[in-house]
Protein backbone atom coordinates (compact mmCIF):
# COMPACT_ATOMS: atom_id res chain seq x y z
CA MET A 1 132.10 130.89 99.10
CA LYS A 2 132.65 133.95 100.52
CA VAL A 3 136.41 134.55 101.73
CA ALA A 4 137.97 136.97 104.20
CA ILE A 5 141.72 137.42 105.22
CA TYR A 6 142.21 139.02 108.44
CA VAL A 7 145.34 140.79 109.20
CA ARG A 8 146.50 142.66 112.71
CA VAL A 9 149.90 144.27 113.75
CA SER A 10 149.76 146.11 117.12
CA GLY A 11 152.30 148.80 117.94
CA THR A 12 152.93 152.44 118.07
CA LYS A 13 152.14 154.95 115.93
CA LYS A 14 155.56 155.51 114.91
CA LYS A 15 155.72 152.33 112.84
CA LEU A 16 152.88 153.08 110.89
CA ASP A 17 154.82 153.85 107.91
CA GLY A 18 157.38 151.38 108.37
CA GLU A 19 158.12 147.80 110.15
CA ARG A 20 154.32 147.78 110.72
CA ARG A 21 153.14 148.66 107.29
CA GLN A 22 155.85 145.60 106.19
CA ASP A 23 154.43 143.39 108.46
CA VAL A 24 150.70 143.86 107.48
CA ASN A 25 151.84 143.75 103.66
CA ARG A 26 153.79 140.55 104.64
CA GLN A 27 150.68 138.89 106.28
CA ILE A 28 148.64 139.96 103.60
CA GLU A 29 150.84 138.61 100.68
CA VAL A 30 151.51 135.11 102.62
CA ILE A 31 147.82 134.61 102.81
CA GLU A 32 146.90 135.63 98.98
CA LYS A 33 149.78 133.44 97.90
CA TYR A 34 148.06 130.35 99.68
CA LEU A 35 144.50 131.29 98.54
CA LYS A 36 145.58 131.37 94.80
CA ARG A 37 147.64 128.11 95.41
CA ALA A 38 144.11 126.92 96.32
CA GLY A 39 142.20 128.11 93.34
CA ILE A 40 140.40 130.73 95.39
CA LYS A 41 140.14 133.99 93.39
CA GLU A 42 137.97 136.56 95.40
CA TRP A 43 138.34 137.47 98.82
CA LYS A 44 138.35 140.45 101.24
CA VAL A 45 140.93 142.10 103.54
CA TYR A 46 139.91 142.96 106.72
CA CYS A 47 143.21 145.28 108.25
CA ASP A 48 143.59 146.53 111.95
CA ASP A 49 146.70 148.25 112.17
CA GLY A 50 148.00 149.08 115.55
CA LYS A 51 145.54 147.47 117.17
CA SER A 52 145.84 145.01 120.09
CA ALA A 53 144.74 141.42 119.92
CA PHE A 54 143.97 141.22 123.71
CA THR A 55 141.03 143.61 123.91
CA GLU A 56 137.45 142.61 123.99
CA ASP A 57 136.06 145.83 123.26
CA LEU A 58 135.31 145.55 119.14
CA ASN A 59 135.83 149.38 118.96
CA GLN A 60 139.47 148.98 119.33
CA ARG A 61 139.53 146.73 116.39
CA PRO A 62 137.37 148.14 113.74
CA ALA A 63 138.29 145.66 110.96
CA PHE A 64 137.52 142.67 112.96
CA LYS A 65 134.21 144.55 114.13
CA GLN A 66 133.12 144.56 110.38
CA LEU A 67 134.49 141.02 109.58
CA LEU A 68 132.23 139.64 112.43
CA ASN A 69 129.23 141.96 111.41
CA ASP A 70 129.83 140.56 107.69
CA CYS A 71 129.98 136.97 109.35
CA LEU A 72 126.45 137.82 111.27
CA ARG A 73 124.91 138.79 107.76
CA HIS A 74 126.70 135.64 105.76
CA TYR A 75 128.43 137.46 103.50
CA ILE A 76 131.78 135.60 104.74
CA ASN A 77 131.91 132.10 105.45
CA GLU A 78 135.32 131.53 105.50
CA ILE A 79 138.21 133.51 107.56
CA TYR A 80 142.12 133.16 106.72
CA ILE A 81 144.86 134.39 109.31
CA GLU A 82 148.43 134.00 109.41
CA ASP A 83 148.43 132.37 112.83
CA ILE A 84 145.91 132.60 115.93
CA THR A 85 147.90 135.77 117.29
CA ARG A 86 146.29 137.99 114.72
CA PHE A 87 142.91 136.46 115.70
CA SER A 88 143.34 136.80 119.80
CA ARG A 89 146.01 136.83 122.29
CA ASN A 90 143.10 136.29 125.06
CA LEU A 91 141.92 132.89 125.73
CA THR A 92 138.85 133.99 126.98
CA ILE A 93 138.05 136.54 124.26
CA GLY A 94 139.27 133.69 121.58
CA ILE A 95 136.78 131.45 122.64
CA LYS A 96 134.07 133.42 122.75
CA TRP A 97 134.58 134.72 119.28
CA LEU A 98 135.55 130.98 117.79
CA LYS A 99 132.27 129.85 119.33
CA LYS A 100 130.54 132.65 118.06
CA LEU A 101 131.95 132.00 114.45
CA SER A 102 131.29 128.40 114.97
CA ASP A 103 127.71 128.92 115.47
CA LEU A 104 127.63 130.76 112.42
CA ASN A 105 129.14 128.02 110.27
CA VAL A 106 132.19 130.38 110.02
CA ASN A 107 135.21 128.35 108.89
CA ILE A 108 139.16 129.92 110.48
CA ILE A 109 142.05 128.54 108.54
CA SER A 110 145.58 129.45 110.06
CA LEU A 111 148.17 128.90 107.75
CA LYS A 112 150.28 128.52 111.08
CA GLU A 113 147.81 125.90 113.07
CA GLY A 114 145.38 124.79 110.25
CA GLN A 115 141.41 125.06 110.42
CA LEU A 116 140.65 126.13 114.05
CA ASP A 117 137.50 123.74 114.10
CA TYR A 118 135.35 124.21 117.07
CA THR A 119 132.69 121.73 116.28
CA SER A 120 134.75 118.46 117.21
CA SER A 121 136.22 117.82 120.76
CA LYS A 122 139.64 117.35 118.89
CA GLY A 123 139.17 120.68 117.16
CA TRP A 124 137.97 122.26 120.56
CA LEU A 125 141.02 121.13 122.32
CA GLN A 126 143.56 122.11 119.44
CA SER A 127 141.98 125.66 119.14
CA ASN A 128 142.21 126.32 123.02
CA ILE A 129 145.33 125.18 123.37
CA PHE A 130 146.71 127.31 120.35
CA LEU A 131 144.77 130.41 122.22
CA LEU A 132 146.27 129.59 125.48
CA PHE A 133 149.69 129.45 124.16
CA ALA A 134 149.13 133.06 122.48
CA GLU A 135 148.11 134.09 125.63
CA TRP A 136 150.92 132.92 127.26
CA GLU A 137 153.38 134.16 124.56
CA SER A 138 151.92 137.49 125.09
CA ARG A 139 152.12 137.83 128.91
CA ILE A 140 156.06 136.40 129.02
CA ARG A 141 156.92 139.12 126.51
CA SER A 142 154.84 141.65 129.01
CA GLU A 143 156.87 140.55 131.81
CA LYS A 144 160.32 140.68 130.06
CA VAL A 145 159.21 144.27 128.74
CA LYS A 146 158.48 145.50 132.45
CA SER A 147 161.71 143.79 133.98
CA GLY A 148 163.91 145.77 131.34
CA MET A 149 162.16 148.91 131.70
CA GLU A 150 162.62 148.35 135.44
CA ARG A 151 166.03 147.40 135.09
CA VAL A 152 167.08 150.67 133.08
CA LYS A 153 165.30 152.70 135.57
CA LYS A 154 167.16 151.17 138.08
CA GLU A 155 170.38 151.78 136.47
CA SER A 156 170.10 154.93 134.78
CA GLY A 157 167.42 156.57 136.51
CA LYS A 158 165.80 157.20 133.43
CA THR A 159 162.07 156.64 132.96
CA PHE A 160 159.80 156.01 129.63
CA GLY A 161 156.97 158.11 128.64
CA ARG A 162 156.45 161.75 128.77
CA PRO A 163 159.03 163.62 130.85
CA LYS A 164 157.70 165.39 133.97
CA ILE A 165 157.77 169.11 133.85
CA ASN A 166 158.61 170.86 137.11
CA ARG A 167 156.74 173.82 137.74
CA ARG A 168 157.49 176.21 140.83
CA ASP A 169 154.68 177.63 143.02
CA LYS A 170 154.11 181.01 142.36
């Protein structure tokens, strides 16, 4: 059996060496501990650091792109993730990739949700529900952040992003 660990964190470059790096390491450690308990001795780690799980553009997720290519070449037949949100936060895209990997006979095991089995009607339903909730959670978080930013702007007049440069016409 050829086993892969896939980990992903999103975020800003400011957190690259700090909190994000810790989360990457934590995900890897949790999955490696699980694999060792299961008697699995070899695996390959694929890590997308600072990458969104909401995009379909595989160039934005180079490790995931490499993982899919390795699955196509039958180098990998089992993928372990901490939870479905590491795989995708977009229902449509997640379904597409789950189907593709299922067609290649690649098993996807989430430590949180269990095996994402797309070969049975029950597994199909569960996987779609997990992906739906992942997208829903992401949308709720986005709405809260936008609302908070609007409130801060309204209350303090401060905006986020780069400061505007006032230029005088010459």
